[in-house]
Amino acid sequence: MKNVIYTVVFLLYVTQANADWQYTRWGMTVDEVNEASGKSLTTYRDDSEAKSNNQSLLIGGYKSDDIHFNAYFRFGKTSKLLETIILKAAPKLCGRVESRLIQTYGKPFKTDNIDKVLVSHQWFDRVNNNKVDFIAHTGRCDVSYEPLPMPGAKGGL
């Protein structure tokens, strides 16, 4: 019964991670995201992301049920608009995070398991129009949310 309650609470939080994840909307500016958070986020810079197409510019805490995450808000390098949200949990919580994601989204669309060192799953949440990725690696446990590309959008074939 306790697991059912945890699952329901987790589902309530995870299903909010759609185009309106928590208090954000895809395409918001840094200032809009920070304002929407009640200015609870901290400015963040990681020089190792300098060559990436998007960069984490804000960070804040996020709690889903009994799992604490650091939430990184990544913005397009050129557009400066919100493109990705990455939730990072302590590695010891990876099993719990993975189980709840599977309970929430079902069987992953894609799974990779490399020598039991790296495990990744991917789901396409068509209800909320999100691509959801889970990566568990030595010393790391991440969940990322990105908007699904819409048919007819630029890119692709």
C-alpha atoms as a PDB file:
ATOM      1  CA  MET A   1       0.000   0.000   0.000  1.00  0.00           C
ATOM      2  CA  LYS A   2       2.846   2.362   0.865  1.00  0.00           C
ATOM      3  CA  ASN A   3       4.356   1.806  -2.612  1.00  0.00           C
ATOM      4  CA  VAL A   4       1.020   2.654  -4.230  1.00  0.00           C
ATOM      5  CA  ILE A   5       0.880   5.951  -2.342  1.00  0.00           C
ATOM      6  CA  TYR A   6       4.469   6.794  -3.335  1.00  0.00           C
ATOM      7  CA  THR A   7       3.690   5.973  -6.956  1.00  0.00           C
ATOM      8  CA  VAL A   8       0.571   8.160  -7.001  1.00  0.00           C
ATOM      9  CA  VAL A   9       2.417  11.104  -5.452  1.00  0.00           C
ATOM     10  CA  PHE A  10       5.342  10.651  -7.847  1.00  0.00           C
ATOM     11  CA  LEU A  11       2.957  10.489 -10.812  1.00  0.00           C
ATOM     12  CA  LEU A  12       1.384  13.760  -9.772  1.00  0.00           C
ATOM     13  CA  TYR A  13       4.783  15.418  -9.813  1.00  0.00           C
ATOM     14  CA  VAL A  14       6.184  13.729 -12.912  1.00  0.00           C
ATOM     15  CA  THR A  15       3.107  14.270 -15.048  1.00  0.00           C
ATOM     16  CA  GLN A  16       3.506  17.984 -14.428  1.00  0.00           C
ATOM     17  CA  ALA A  17       6.793  17.787 -16.333  1.00  0.00           C
ATOM     18  CA  ASN A  18       5.103  18.627 -19.600  1.00  0.00           C
ATOM     19  CA  ALA A  19       5.275  21.741 -21.714  1.00  0.00           C
ATOM     20  CA  ASP A  20       4.432  23.540 -18.481  1.00  0.00           C
ATOM     21  CA  TRP A  21       6.965  21.758 -16.244  1.00  0.00           C
ATOM     22  CA  GLN A  22       6.239  22.990 -12.758  1.00  0.00           C
ATOM     23  CA  TYR A  23       6.207  26.761 -13.140  1.00  0.00           C
ATOM     24  CA  THR A  24       8.001  26.884 -16.509  1.00  0.00           C
ATOM     25  CA  ARG A  25       7.060  26.724 -20.157  1.00  0.00           C
ATOM     26  CA  TRP A  26       9.385  25.665 -22.952  1.00  0.00           C
ATOM     27  CA  GLY A  27      10.844  28.732 -24.634  1.00  0.00           C
ATOM     28  CA  MET A  28      10.887  30.998 -21.558  1.00  0.00           C
ATOM     29  CA  THR A  29      13.848  33.320 -21.037  1.00  0.00           C
ATOM     30  CA  VAL A  30      16.194  33.070 -18.047  1.00  0.00           C
ATOM     31  CA  ASP A  31      14.466  36.034 -16.393  1.00  0.00           C
ATOM     32  CA  GLU A  32      11.004  34.559 -17.018  1.00  0.00           C
ATOM     33  CA  VAL A  33      11.976  31.205 -15.474  1.00  0.00           C
ATOM     34  CA  ASN A  34      13.574  32.876 -12.465  1.00  0.00           C
ATOM     35  CA  GLU A  35      10.562  35.157 -11.992  1.00  0.00           C
ATOM     36  CA  ALA A  36       8.150  32.210 -12.310  1.00  0.00           C
ATOM     37  CA  SER A  37      10.124  30.357  -9.615  1.00  0.00           C
ATOM     38  CA  GLY A  38       9.547  33.208  -7.197  1.00  0.00           C
ATOM     39  CA  LYS A  39      13.233  34.013  -7.642  1.00  0.00           C
ATOM     40  CA  SER A  40      14.124  30.804  -5.809  1.00  0.00           C
ATOM     41  CA  LEU A  41      16.712  29.739  -8.407  1.00  0.00           C
ATOM     42  CA  THR A  42      20.407  30.531  -8.405  1.00  0.00           C
ATOM     43  CA  THR A  43      22.401  31.736 -11.389  1.00  0.00           C
ATOM     44  CA  TYR A  44      24.666  28.922 -12.558  1.00  0.00           C
ATOM     45  CA  ARG A  45      27.603  28.626 -14.915  1.00  0.00           C
ATOM     46  CA  ASP A  46      29.553  25.556 -15.952  1.00  0.00           C
ATOM     47  CA  ASP A  47      32.507  26.356 -18.203  1.00  0.00           C
ATOM     48  CA  SER A  48      32.620  22.732 -19.389  1.00  0.00           C
ATOM     49  CA  GLU A  49      29.354  23.424 -21.266  1.00  0.00           C
ATOM     50  CA  ALA A  50      30.915  26.227 -23.341  1.00  0.00           C
ATOM     51  CA  LYS A  51      30.904  24.169 -26.559  1.00  0.00           C
ATOM     52  CA  SER A  52      27.400  22.786 -26.041  1.00  0.00           C
ATOM     53  CA  ASN A  53      24.378  24.053 -27.981  1.00  0.00           C
ATOM     54  CA  ASN A  54      22.622  24.760 -24.696  1.00  0.00           C
ATOM     55  CA  GLN A  55      23.865  25.724 -21.260  1.00  0.00           C
ATOM     56  CA  SER A  56      22.658  25.416 -17.683  1.00  0.00           C
ATOM     57  CA  LEU A  57      22.078  28.972 -16.508  1.00  0.00           C
ATOM     58  CA  LEU A  58      19.843  28.402 -13.469  1.00  0.00           C
ATOM     59  CA  ILE A  59      19.808  25.770 -10.730  1.00  0.00           C
ATOM     60  CA  GLY A  60      17.387  25.026  -7.917  1.00  0.00           C
ATOM     61  CA  GLY A  61      16.170  22.289  -5.636  1.00  0.00           C
ATOM     62  CA  TYR A  62      13.309  19.987  -6.582  1.00  0.00           C
ATOM     63  CA  LYS A  63      11.659  17.303  -4.490  1.00  0.00           C
ATOM     64  CA  SER A  64       9.428  14.560  -5.807  1.00  0.00           C
ATOM     65  CA  ASP A  65       8.030  12.456  -3.026  1.00  0.00           C
ATOM     66  CA  ASP A  66      11.076  11.300  -1.047  1.00  0.00           C
ATOM     67  CA  ILE A  67      13.632  11.987  -3.785  1.00  0.00           C
ATOM     68  CA  HIS A  68      15.610  15.211  -3.783  1.00  0.00           C
ATOM     69  CA  PHE A  69      17.017  16.529  -7.054  1.00  0.00           C
ATOM     70  CA  ASN A  70      19.064  19.466  -8.233  1.00  0.00           C
ATOM     71  CA  ALA A  71      17.177  20.938 -11.192  1.00  0.00           C
ATOM     72  CA  TYR A  72      19.300  22.461 -13.957  1.00  0.00           C
ATOM     73  CA  PHE A  73      17.529  24.741 -16.404  1.00  0.00           C
ATOM     74  CA  ARG A  74      19.288  24.679 -19.776  1.00  0.00           C
ATOM     75  CA  PHE A  75      18.855  27.438 -22.318  1.00  0.00           C
ATOM     76  CA  GLY A  76      19.777  27.618 -25.990  1.00  0.00           C
ATOM     77  CA  LYS A  77      23.200  29.134 -26.538  1.00  0.00           C
ATOM     78  CA  THR A  78      21.902  31.309 -29.359  1.00  0.00           C
ATOM     79  CA  SER A  79      18.205  31.680 -28.572  1.00  0.00           C
ATOM     80  CA  LYS A  80      18.617  32.002 -24.775  1.00  0.00           C
ATOM     81  CA  LEU A  81      15.275  30.183 -24.403  1.00  0.00           C
ATOM     82  CA  LEU A  82      14.495  27.227 -22.109  1.00  0.00           C
ATOM     83  CA  GLU A  83      15.175  23.954 -23.961  1.00  0.00           C
ATOM     84  CA  THR A  84      15.931  21.258 -21.385  1.00  0.00           C
ATOM     85  CA  ILE A  85      15.443  20.547 -17.696  1.00  0.00           C
ATOM     86  CA  ILE A  86      17.815  18.066 -16.059  1.00  0.00           C
ATOM     87  CA  LEU A  87      17.085  16.580 -12.652  1.00  0.00           C
ATOM     88  CA  LYS A  88      20.134  15.142 -10.884  1.00  0.00           C
ATOM     89  CA  ALA A  89      19.718  12.810  -7.915  1.00  0.00           C
ATOM     90  CA  ALA A  90      22.228  11.131  -5.647  1.00  0.00           C
ATOM     91  CA  PRO A  91      23.518   7.919  -7.292  1.00  0.00           C
ATOM     92  CA  LYS A  92      22.213   5.823  -4.395  1.00  0.00           C
ATOM     93  CA  LEU A  93      18.671   6.857  -5.444  1.00  0.00           C
ATOM     94  CA  CYS A  94      18.976   5.710  -9.074  1.00  0.00           C
ATOM     95  CA  GLY A  95      17.102   2.459  -8.514  1.00  0.00           C
ATOM     96  CA  ARG A  96      14.149   4.278  -6.968  1.00  0.00           C
ATOM     97  CA  VAL A  97      14.121   6.950  -9.686  1.00  0.00           C
ATOM     98  CA  GLU A  98      14.303   4.317 -12.440  1.00  0.00           C
ATOM     99  CA  SER A  99      11.465   2.254 -10.920  1.00  0.00           C
ATOM    100  CA  ARG A 100       9.185   5.247 -10.602  1.00  0.00           C
ATOM    101  CA  LEU A 101       9.855   6.398 -14.143  1.00  0.00           C
ATOM    102  CA  ILE A 102       8.961   2.927 -15.440  1.00  0.00           C
ATOM    103  CA  GLN A 103       5.802   2.948 -13.311  1.00  0.00           C
ATOM    104  CA  THR A 104       4.930   6.378 -14.702  1.00  0.00           C
ATOM    105  CA  TYR A 105       5.794   5.981 -18.397  1.00  0.00           C
ATOM    106  CA  GLY A 106       5.740   2.212 -18.854  1.00  0.00           C
ATOM    107  CA  LYS A 107       8.234   0.218 -20.866  1.00  0.00           C
ATOM    108  CA  PRO A 108      10.936   2.512 -22.286  1.00  0.00           C
ATOM    109  CA  PHE A 109      10.990   3.154 -26.025  1.00  0.00           C
ATOM    110  CA  LYS A 110      14.745   2.581 -25.949  1.00  0.00           C
ATOM    111  CA  THR A 111      17.088   1.028 -23.372  1.00  0.00           C
ATOM    112  CA  ASP A 112      20.858   0.735 -23.303  1.00  0.00           C
ATOM    113  CA  ASN A 113      22.783  -1.278 -20.733  1.00  0.00           C
ATOM    114  CA  ILE A 114      26.541  -1.203 -21.187  1.00  0.00           C
ATOM    115  CA  ASP A 115      28.387  -3.731 -19.019  1.00  0.00           C
ATOM    116  CA  LYS A 116      26.151  -2.834 -16.056  1.00  0.00           C
ATOM    117  CA  VAL A 117      28.137   0.415 -15.799  1.00  0.00           C
ATOM    118  CA  LEU A 118      25.743   2.649 -17.713  1.00  0.00           C
ATOM    119  CA  VAL A 119      21.990   2.231 -17.951  1.00  0.00           C
ATOM    120  CA  SER A 120      19.813   4.559 -19.986  1.00  0.00           C
ATOM    121  CA  HIS A 121      16.132   4.592 -20.862  1.00  0.00           C
ATOM    122  CA  GLN A 122      14.152   6.853 -23.133  1.00  0.00           C
ATOM    123  CA  TRP A 123      10.434   7.506 -23.301  1.00  0.00           C
ATOM    124  CA  PHE A 124       8.284   9.625 -25.595  1.00  0.00           C
ATOM    125  CA  ASP A 125       5.544  11.098 -23.450  1.00  0.00           C
ATOM    126  CA  ARG A 126       3.102  11.987 -26.211  1.00  0.00           C
ATOM    127  CA  VAL A 127       0.404  13.029 -23.738  1.00  0.00           C
ATOM    128  CA  ASN A 128       2.605  15.845 -22.411  1.00  0.00           C
ATOM    129  CA  ASN A 129       4.782  16.214 -25.534  1.00  0.00           C
ATOM    130  CA  ASN A 130       8.051  15.493 -23.743  1.00  0.00           C
ATOM    131  CA  LYS A 131      11.053  13.323 -24.423  1.00  0.00           C
ATOM    132  CA  VAL A 132      12.184  11.834 -21.116  1.00  0.00           C
ATOM    133  CA  ASP A 133      15.672  10.366 -20.659  1.00  0.00           C
ATOM    134  CA  PHE A 134      17.073   8.514 -17.655  1.00  0.00           C
ATOM    135  CA  ILE A 135      20.810   7.914 -17.290  1.00  0.00           C
ATOM    136  CA  ALA A 136      22.438   6.001 -14.440  1.00  0.00           C
ATOM    137  CA  HIS A 137      26.210   5.850 -14.479  1.00  0.00           C
ATOM    138  CA  THR A 138      28.884   5.544 -11.822  1.00  0.00           C
ATOM    139  CA  GLY A 139      28.459   8.624  -9.688  1.00  0.00           C
ATOM    140  CA  ARG A 140      25.493   9.995 -11.597  1.00  0.00           C
ATOM    141  CA  CYS A 141      21.726   9.705 -11.850  1.00  0.00           C
ATOM    142  CA  ASP A 142      19.953  12.098 -14.248  1.00  0.00           C
ATOM    143  CA  VAL A 143      16.459  12.547 -15.639  1.00  0.00           C
ATOM    144  CA  SER A 144      16.062  15.025 -18.481  1.00  0.00           C
ATOM    145  CA  TYR A 145      12.961  16.538 -20.029  1.00  0.00           C
ATOM    146  CA  GLU A 146      12.861  18.149 -23.459  1.00  0.00           C
ATOM    147  CA  PRO A 147       9.931  19.062 -25.664  1.00  0.00           C
ATOM    148  CA  LEU A 148       9.138  16.529 -28.379  1.00  0.00           C
ATOM    149  CA  PRO A 149       9.798  17.931 -31.837  1.00  0.00           C
ATOM    150  CA  MET A 150       6.548  18.765 -33.538  1.00  0.00           C
ATOM    151  CA  PRO A 151       5.774  17.440 -37.033  1.00  0.00           C
ATOM    152  CA  GLY A 152       6.800  19.969 -39.652  1.00  0.00           C
ATOM    153  CA  ALA A 153       9.337  21.638 -37.352  1.00  0.00           C
ATOM    154  CA  LYS A 154      12.792  22.501 -38.706  1.00  0.00           C
ATOM    155  CA  GLY A 155      15.367  19.737 -38.670  1.00  0.00           C
ATOM    156  CA  GLY A 156      15.207  16.078 -39.573  1.00  0.00           C
ATOM    157  CA  LEU A 157      14.885  14.729 -43.092  1.00  0.00           C
END
